[in-house]
Amino acid sequence: MEPRTRIFVAGDRDFVGAALARRLRAAGCDRLIGEGDAAPDLRDAAAVDAFFARQRPELVFLLGGRSGGIARNQREGAELMLDNLLVETSVVRAAQRHGARKLLYLAAACIYPRECEQPMRPDQLGSGPLEPTSAPYALAKWAGLELCRAFARQAGGGFAGAIPANPFGPGDSIDPDDAHVVGALLRRMHRAKRRGETEVVVWGSGLAQRDFLFVDDLADACVFLMERFDGPDPINVSAGAHLTIAEVAERIQKVVGFAGRLRFDRSRPEGAPRKLLDGAPLRRLGWTPRTSLDDALAATYRWLLERDDEVMRG
C-alpha cells in the first residue's frame, strides 16, 4: 500500500470508516478518494458505477451499510437488510467491473449461528439458525461475504472478507434507540451519574458473552488484512476481549464513576447467549491489538464527555 495508491473507504461516515481513514492517513496514504460529500450514494448502483469509472480506485474497503443494536434490529429489520444488500451489490460489482486491485469487505459477527461452538470459526457459517433478533441484517451481511467469495473464486483473487468482533469507540452511536451495548451503557451511566440516580438498567440477564473490539484496533486490522491477507475464505478479527455483558457493564461503571447499582432486566432481549470469535488465524499472520479494553473504554468515554449536551438531552 503505497502513499499514492488510490483508496476508497466505502462508508467513511460510519465510525469504523472514519477510524480507518485516520489510520490510512497516519500510514502516509494521501490519495483517499470519495470522502464525505464526494462519495456516491452507495445504495445507488448507477452512481457507484459512475464513481468507479471516473475515479478508478485501486483498493476498496467496504464498510458501508446501516447497522444498530437489538432495538433497531427488531424495529427496522427490513430496512437494515435492504440497505446492506444494496450497498454490497453496488460496490462489489463496480469494483469488479472497473478493475480494482483488491476489495476488503467487513461482515459482522451476527452472521454466525445462534447456537455455535465457541470460539466461532468461519467454517461454522450456515451450521445452524441465526439469532432471530438480528436475522435480516445478518443474512444481508452474510450475502455480502458470499458475493465477495464468489467473485474471488471466479477472478482468481482480489476480494477478501473479514468478520469483526463487536466494534466500539469514538464516533459510535449513542442514540438510545440505536446504540450497541457499549455506547448504550456509557450513555445510560453518564446520565444517571449526572442526575444523581441510584440505578441503571442493563438489558437481559448479563450472562450473554460478547467479543469486544476497539474501533482503532479494527482499523489497524483492516490495513493489515489489505496488505497481507488474500482469502477467498473469510477471517475473524478479534482482540480476545471475551466478557459477559455484566462484566463489561461493571468496567463501564468504573470508567464513568457511577456509584449506583446495576439492575439486569431479564424481560429485555439479549441476543445470542455467546458470540466469541476465534482470532487465532489472524494472530498467526502477525496482527495483535494495540489497545487494552479499559483504555479503549476510557477513550470512548472521553469522546462522549465532549458531547455532554447531546447525551443529556431527551
Protein backbone atom coordinates (compact mmCIF):
# COMPACT_ATOMS: atom_id res chain seq x y z
CA MET A 1 0.00 0.00 0.00
CA GLU A 2 1.95 2.98 -1.33
CA PRO A 3 1.29 6.62 -0.36
CA ARG A 4 -0.09 7.42 -3.81
CA THR A 5 -2.37 4.39 -4.06
CA ARG A 6 -5.93 5.42 -4.87
CA ILE A 7 -8.03 4.15 -1.94
CA PHE A 8 -11.78 4.28 -1.47
CA VAL A 9 -13.25 3.77 2.00
CA ALA A 10 -16.87 2.92 1.18
CA GLY A 11 -18.63 4.04 4.33
CA ASP A 12 -16.24 6.69 5.67
CA ARG A 13 -19.07 8.48 7.52
CA ASP A 14 -19.55 5.44 9.73
CA PHE A 15 -17.40 5.46 12.87
CA VAL A 16 -15.40 2.46 11.64
CA GLY A 17 -14.82 4.15 8.30
CA ALA A 18 -13.73 7.36 9.99
CA ALA A 19 -11.24 5.44 12.14
CA LEU A 20 -9.92 3.66 9.06
CA ALA A 21 -9.43 6.95 7.20
CA ARG A 22 -7.42 8.27 10.18
CA ARG A 23 -5.32 5.09 10.21
CA LEU A 24 -4.61 5.31 6.48
CA ARG A 25 -3.51 8.94 6.74
CA ALA A 26 -1.26 8.05 9.66
CA ALA A 27 0.36 5.45 7.38
CA GLY A 28 1.06 8.15 4.79
CA CYS A 29 -1.75 7.33 2.35
CA ASP A 30 -2.70 10.70 0.86
CA ARG A 31 -5.00 9.68 -2.01
CA LEU A 32 -8.22 8.78 -0.25
CA ILE A 33 -10.95 9.36 -2.81
CA GLY A 34 -14.68 9.76 -2.43
CA GLU A 35 -14.63 11.19 1.09
CA GLY A 36 -17.59 12.97 2.64
CA ASP A 37 -19.81 14.70 0.09
CA ALA A 38 -17.61 13.42 -2.75
CA ALA A 39 -18.79 9.87 -2.11
CA PRO A 40 -21.60 8.42 -4.23
CA ASP A 41 -24.79 7.14 -2.65
CA LEU A 42 -23.65 3.58 -2.00
CA ARG A 43 -27.21 2.31 -2.45
CA ASP A 44 -27.43 3.70 -5.98
CA ALA A 45 -25.79 1.19 -8.33
CA ALA A 46 -25.61 3.61 -11.24
CA ALA A 47 -23.99 6.34 -9.14
CA VAL A 48 -21.48 3.90 -7.67
CA ASP A 49 -20.60 2.53 -11.11
CA ALA A 50 -20.07 6.05 -12.49
CA PHE A 51 -17.87 6.92 -9.50
CA PHE A 52 -15.67 3.84 -10.04
CA ALA A 53 -15.45 4.51 -13.79
CA ARG A 54 -14.33 8.09 -13.12
CA GLN A 55 -12.08 7.66 -10.06
CA ARG A 56 -10.65 4.15 -10.64
CA PRO A 57 -9.88 3.23 -7.02
CA GLU A 58 -7.17 0.60 -6.70
CA LEU A 59 -8.01 -0.56 -3.17
CA VAL A 60 -11.53 -0.60 -1.70
CA PHE A 61 -12.57 -1.04 1.92
CA LEU A 62 -16.28 -1.89 2.01
CA LEU A 63 -17.69 -0.93 5.42
CA GLY A 64 -20.94 0.76 4.40
CA GLY A 65 -24.46 -0.27 5.29
CA ARG A 66 -26.67 0.72 8.20
CA SER A 67 -26.49 -1.17 11.48
CA GLY A 68 -27.80 -0.91 15.02
CA GLY A 69 -28.32 -2.64 18.33
CA ILE A 70 -31.04 -5.12 19.29
CA ALA A 71 -33.74 -2.44 19.43
CA ARG A 72 -33.08 -1.19 15.91
CA ASN A 73 -32.73 -4.71 14.52
CA GLN A 74 -36.15 -5.60 15.89
CA ARG A 75 -37.74 -2.33 14.77
CA GLU A 76 -36.15 -1.91 11.32
CA GLY A 77 -35.05 -5.36 10.19
CA ALA A 78 -36.34 -4.96 6.62
CA GLU A 79 -34.70 -1.54 6.15
CA LEU A 80 -31.38 -2.76 7.52
CA MET A 81 -31.42 -5.79 5.25
CA LEU A 82 -32.32 -3.83 2.12
CA ASP A 83 -29.79 -1.11 2.84
CA ASN A 84 -26.90 -3.55 3.24
CA LEU A 85 -27.84 -5.63 0.21
CA LEU A 86 -27.97 -2.53 -1.98
CA VAL A 87 -24.60 -1.28 -0.73
CA GLU A 88 -22.87 -4.64 -1.16
CA THR A 89 -24.15 -5.40 -4.64
CA SER A 90 -23.44 -1.87 -5.88
CA VAL A 91 -19.86 -1.59 -4.56
CA VAL A 92 -18.63 -5.15 -5.11
CA ARG A 93 -19.92 -5.24 -8.68
CA ALA A 94 -18.41 -1.85 -9.52
CA ALA A 95 -15.04 -2.88 -8.05
CA GLN A 96 -15.03 -5.98 -10.22
CA ARG A 97 -16.20 -4.18 -13.34
CA HIS A 98 -13.68 -1.34 -13.13
CA GLY A 99 -10.59 -3.31 -12.18
CA ALA A 100 -9.99 -2.53 -8.51
CA ARG A 101 -6.88 -4.38 -7.45
CA LYS A 102 -8.41 -5.55 -4.16
CA LEU A 103 -11.56 -5.14 -2.07
CA LEU A 104 -11.81 -5.95 1.64
CA TYR A 105 -15.35 -6.46 2.93
CA LEU A 106 -16.34 -6.31 6.60
CA ALA A 107 -19.22 -8.59 7.60
CA ALA A 108 -20.49 -8.89 11.20
CA ALA A 109 -20.28 -11.47 13.97
CA CYS A 110 -24.06 -11.96 13.95
CA ILE A 111 -23.76 -14.00 10.74
CA TYR A 112 -22.72 -16.96 12.89
CA PRO A 113 -25.44 -19.38 14.12
CA ARG A 114 -27.13 -18.51 17.39
CA GLU A 115 -26.05 -21.81 18.93
CA CYS A 116 -22.48 -22.19 17.77
CA GLU A 117 -19.41 -23.93 19.14
CA GLN A 118 -17.16 -21.34 20.78
CA PRO A 119 -14.99 -19.63 19.78
CA MET A 120 -16.65 -19.33 16.38
CA ARG A 121 -14.82 -20.16 13.17
CA PRO A 122 -15.75 -19.29 9.56
CA ASP A 123 -16.17 -22.97 8.69
CA GLN A 124 -19.18 -23.00 11.05
CA LEU A 125 -21.16 -20.50 8.98
CA GLY A 126 -24.52 -21.97 7.99
CA SER A 127 -24.32 -24.80 10.53
CA GLY A 128 -27.44 -23.64 12.40
CA PRO A 129 -30.18 -20.99 12.62
CA LEU A 130 -29.28 -17.33 13.11
CA GLU A 131 -30.21 -15.29 16.18
CA PRO A 132 -33.81 -14.18 15.40
CA THR A 133 -33.41 -10.60 16.67
CA SER A 134 -30.76 -9.84 14.04
CA ALA A 135 -31.51 -12.38 11.30
CA PRO A 136 -32.45 -9.96 8.45
CA TYR A 137 -29.35 -7.82 8.97
CA ALA A 138 -27.17 -10.91 9.45
CA LEU A 139 -28.41 -12.52 6.23
CA ALA A 140 -27.54 -9.35 4.31
CA LYS A 141 -24.02 -9.22 5.78
CA TRP A 142 -23.54 -12.91 5.04
CA ALA A 143 -24.70 -12.39 1.47
CA GLY A 144 -22.05 -9.71 1.01
CA LEU A 145 -19.40 -12.09 2.26
CA GLU A 146 -20.53 -14.83 -0.11
CA LEU A 147 -20.64 -12.37 -3.01
CA CYS A 148 -17.01 -11.45 -2.38
CA ARG A 149 -16.05 -15.10 -2.06
CA ALA A 150 -17.78 -15.92 -5.37
CA PHE A 151 -16.02 -13.07 -7.22
CA ALA A 152 -12.67 -14.10 -5.71
CA ARG A 153 -13.07 -17.63 -7.00
CA GLN A 154 -14.19 -16.51 -10.45
CA ALA A 155 -11.45 -13.89 -10.81
CA GLY A 156 -8.67 -15.77 -9.02
CA GLY A 157 -8.43 -13.29 -6.14
CA GLY A 158 -8.87 -9.62 -5.41
CA PHE A 159 -11.79 -9.95 -2.96
CA ALA A 160 -11.34 -10.73 0.73
CA GLY A 161 -13.77 -10.86 3.64
CA ALA A 162 -13.35 -10.34 7.37
CA ILE A 163 -15.71 -10.91 10.29
CA PRO A 164 -15.04 -8.44 13.12
CA ALA A 165 -15.98 -8.73 16.77
CA ASN A 166 -18.35 -6.11 18.23
CA PRO A 167 -16.67 -2.77 17.45
CA PHE A 168 -16.99 0.24 19.73
CA GLY A 169 -15.22 3.56 20.21
CA PRO A 170 -15.33 7.28 19.47
CA GLY A 171 -17.93 8.16 16.87
CA ASP A 172 -20.22 5.21 17.62
CA SER A 173 -23.93 5.83 18.04
CA ILE A 174 -25.14 6.93 21.48
CA ASP A 175 -28.77 7.18 20.38
CA PRO A 176 -30.80 5.24 22.97
CA ASP A 177 -32.84 3.56 20.22
CA ASP A 178 -29.88 2.77 18.02
CA ALA A 179 -26.69 2.21 20.03
CA HIS A 180 -24.81 -1.03 20.53
CA VAL A 181 -24.12 -2.24 24.05
CA VAL A 182 -21.02 -0.17 24.92
CA GLY A 183 -22.39 3.13 23.61
CA ALA A 184 -25.78 2.48 25.21
CA LEU A 185 -24.32 1.67 28.64
CA LEU A 186 -21.90 4.60 28.60
CA ARG A 187 -24.78 6.94 27.86
CA ARG A 188 -27.09 5.47 30.50
CA MET A 189 -24.48 5.51 33.23
CA HIS A 190 -23.26 9.01 32.42
CA ARG A 191 -26.81 10.36 32.51
CA ALA A 192 -27.53 8.52 35.76
CA LYS A 193 -24.37 9.91 37.34
CA ARG A 194 -25.15 13.48 36.26
CA ARG A 195 -28.73 13.22 37.52
CA GLY A 196 -27.84 11.59 40.83
CA GLU A 197 -29.80 8.44 40.04
CA THR A 198 -29.13 5.27 42.02
CA GLU A 199 -29.81 2.61 39.38
CA VAL A 200 -29.09 1.80 35.74
CA VAL A 201 -31.00 -0.88 33.86
CA VAL A 202 -29.00 -3.34 31.73
CA TRP A 203 -30.93 -5.36 29.17
CA GLY A 204 -31.00 -9.13 29.72
CA SER A 205 -29.52 -11.36 32.38
CA GLY A 206 -25.99 -10.05 32.00
CA LEU A 207 -24.78 -13.59 31.29
CA ALA A 208 -24.55 -13.30 27.50
CA GLN A 209 -20.93 -13.26 26.33
CA ARG A 210 -19.54 -10.95 23.69
CA ASP A 211 -16.25 -10.22 21.96
CA PHE A 212 -15.40 -6.50 22.03
CA LEU A 213 -13.00 -4.73 19.64
CA PHE A 214 -11.84 -1.11 19.84
CA VAL A 215 -12.52 0.72 16.60
CA ASP A 216 -8.92 1.93 16.19
CA ASP A 217 -7.70 -1.66 16.50
CA LEU A 218 -10.24 -2.76 13.91
CA ALA A 219 -9.00 -0.03 11.57
CA ASP A 220 -5.43 -1.21 12.09
CA ALA A 221 -6.50 -4.79 11.35
CA CYS A 222 -8.20 -3.67 8.13
CA VAL A 223 -4.96 -2.12 6.86
CA PHE A 224 -3.04 -5.25 7.89
CA LEU A 225 -5.50 -7.52 6.06
CA MET A 226 -5.49 -5.39 2.92
CA GLU A 227 -1.73 -5.79 2.76
CA ARG A 228 -1.30 -9.40 3.89
CA PHE A 229 -4.49 -11.43 3.52
CA ASP A 230 -5.97 -12.74 0.29
CA GLY A 231 -8.80 -15.10 1.19
CA PRO A 232 -11.08 -16.19 -0.51
CA ASP A 233 -12.40 -17.67 2.74
CA PRO A 234 -13.11 -15.07 5.45
CA ILE A 235 -11.05 -14.44 8.56
CA ASN A 236 -12.14 -13.28 12.02
CA VAL A 237 -10.90 -10.06 13.61
CA SER A 238 -10.85 -10.41 17.40
CA ALA A 239 -8.85 -8.74 20.16
CA GLY A 240 -9.70 -11.60 22.50
CA ALA A 241 -11.74 -9.35 24.85
CA HIS A 242 -14.31 -12.02 25.75
CA LEU A 243 -16.62 -10.79 28.52
CA THR A 244 -20.16 -11.21 29.77
CA ILE A 245 -22.46 -8.22 29.46
CA ALA A 246 -22.33 -7.96 33.25
CA GLU A 247 -18.54 -7.80 33.20
CA VAL A 248 -18.38 -5.09 30.56
CA ALA A 249 -21.13 -3.16 32.37
CA GLU A 250 -19.05 -3.24 35.57
CA ARG A 251 -16.00 -1.98 33.68
CA ILE A 252 -18.02 0.85 32.16
CA GLN A 253 -19.40 1.67 35.61
CA LYS A 254 -15.83 2.07 36.88
CA VAL A 255 -14.76 4.22 33.91
CA VAL A 256 -17.79 6.51 34.29
CA GLY A 257 -17.62 6.62 38.08
CA PHE A 258 -21.28 5.70 38.51
CA ALA A 259 -21.81 4.76 42.17
CA GLY A 260 -25.30 3.25 41.86
CA ARG A 261 -26.39 -0.32 41.26
CA LEU A 262 -26.86 -2.21 38.00
CA ARG A 263 -30.24 -3.91 37.57
CA PHE A 264 -30.42 -6.64 34.95
CA ASP A 265 -33.82 -6.76 33.27
CA ARG A 266 -34.43 -10.32 32.10
CA SER A 267 -37.62 -9.27 30.31
CA ARG A 268 -35.49 -7.45 27.74
CA PRO A 269 -33.88 -9.32 24.79
CA GLU A 270 -30.15 -10.03 24.96
CA GLY A 271 -29.47 -11.82 21.68
CA ALA A 272 -27.31 -14.90 21.28
CA PRO A 273 -26.05 -16.44 24.54
CA ARG A 274 -22.41 -16.48 23.36
CA LYS A 275 -20.74 -14.72 20.45
CA LEU A 276 -16.97 -15.12 20.71
CA LEU A 277 -14.67 -15.20 17.69
CA ASP A 278 -11.65 -17.40 17.10
CA GLY A 279 -8.92 -14.84 16.39
CA ALA A 280 -6.02 -17.31 16.25
CA PRO A 281 -5.62 -17.34 12.42
CA LEU A 282 -5.16 -13.54 12.32
CA ARG A 283 -2.70 -13.67 15.23
CA ARG A 284 -0.71 -16.30 13.34
CA LEU A 285 -0.47 -13.88 10.41
CA GLY A 286 1.16 -11.38 12.80
CA TRP A 287 -1.59 -8.97 13.89
CA THR A 288 -2.27 -8.13 17.53
CA PRO A 289 -4.38 -5.33 19.03
CA ARG A 290 -2.67 -2.25 20.44
CA THR A 291 -5.29 -1.10 22.96
CA SER A 292 -6.40 -2.68 26.23
CA LEU A 293 -10.14 -2.88 26.84
CA ASP A 294 -10.01 -0.49 29.80
CA ASP A 295 -8.01 2.08 27.82
CA ALA A 296 -10.45 1.74 24.93
CA LEU A 297 -13.45 2.27 27.20
CA ALA A 298 -11.78 5.31 28.76
CA ALA A 299 -11.05 6.81 25.32
CA THR A 300 -14.66 6.26 24.28
CA TYR A 301 -15.94 7.91 27.45
CA ARG A 302 -13.68 10.92 26.91
CA TRP A 303 -15.21 11.29 23.46
CA LEU A 304 -18.72 11.02 24.93
CA LEU A 305 -17.92 13.71 27.53
CA GLU A 306 -17.20 16.14 24.70
CA ARG A 307 -20.84 15.63 23.66
CA ASP A 308 -22.33 16.06 27.11
CA ASP A 309 -25.16 18.36 25.98
CA GLU A 310 -26.28 15.84 23.35
CA VAL A 311 -26.08 12.96 25.81
CA MET A 312 -28.16 14.75 28.44
CA ARG A 313 -30.93 15.79 26.06
CA GLY A 314 -34.05 13.68 25.86
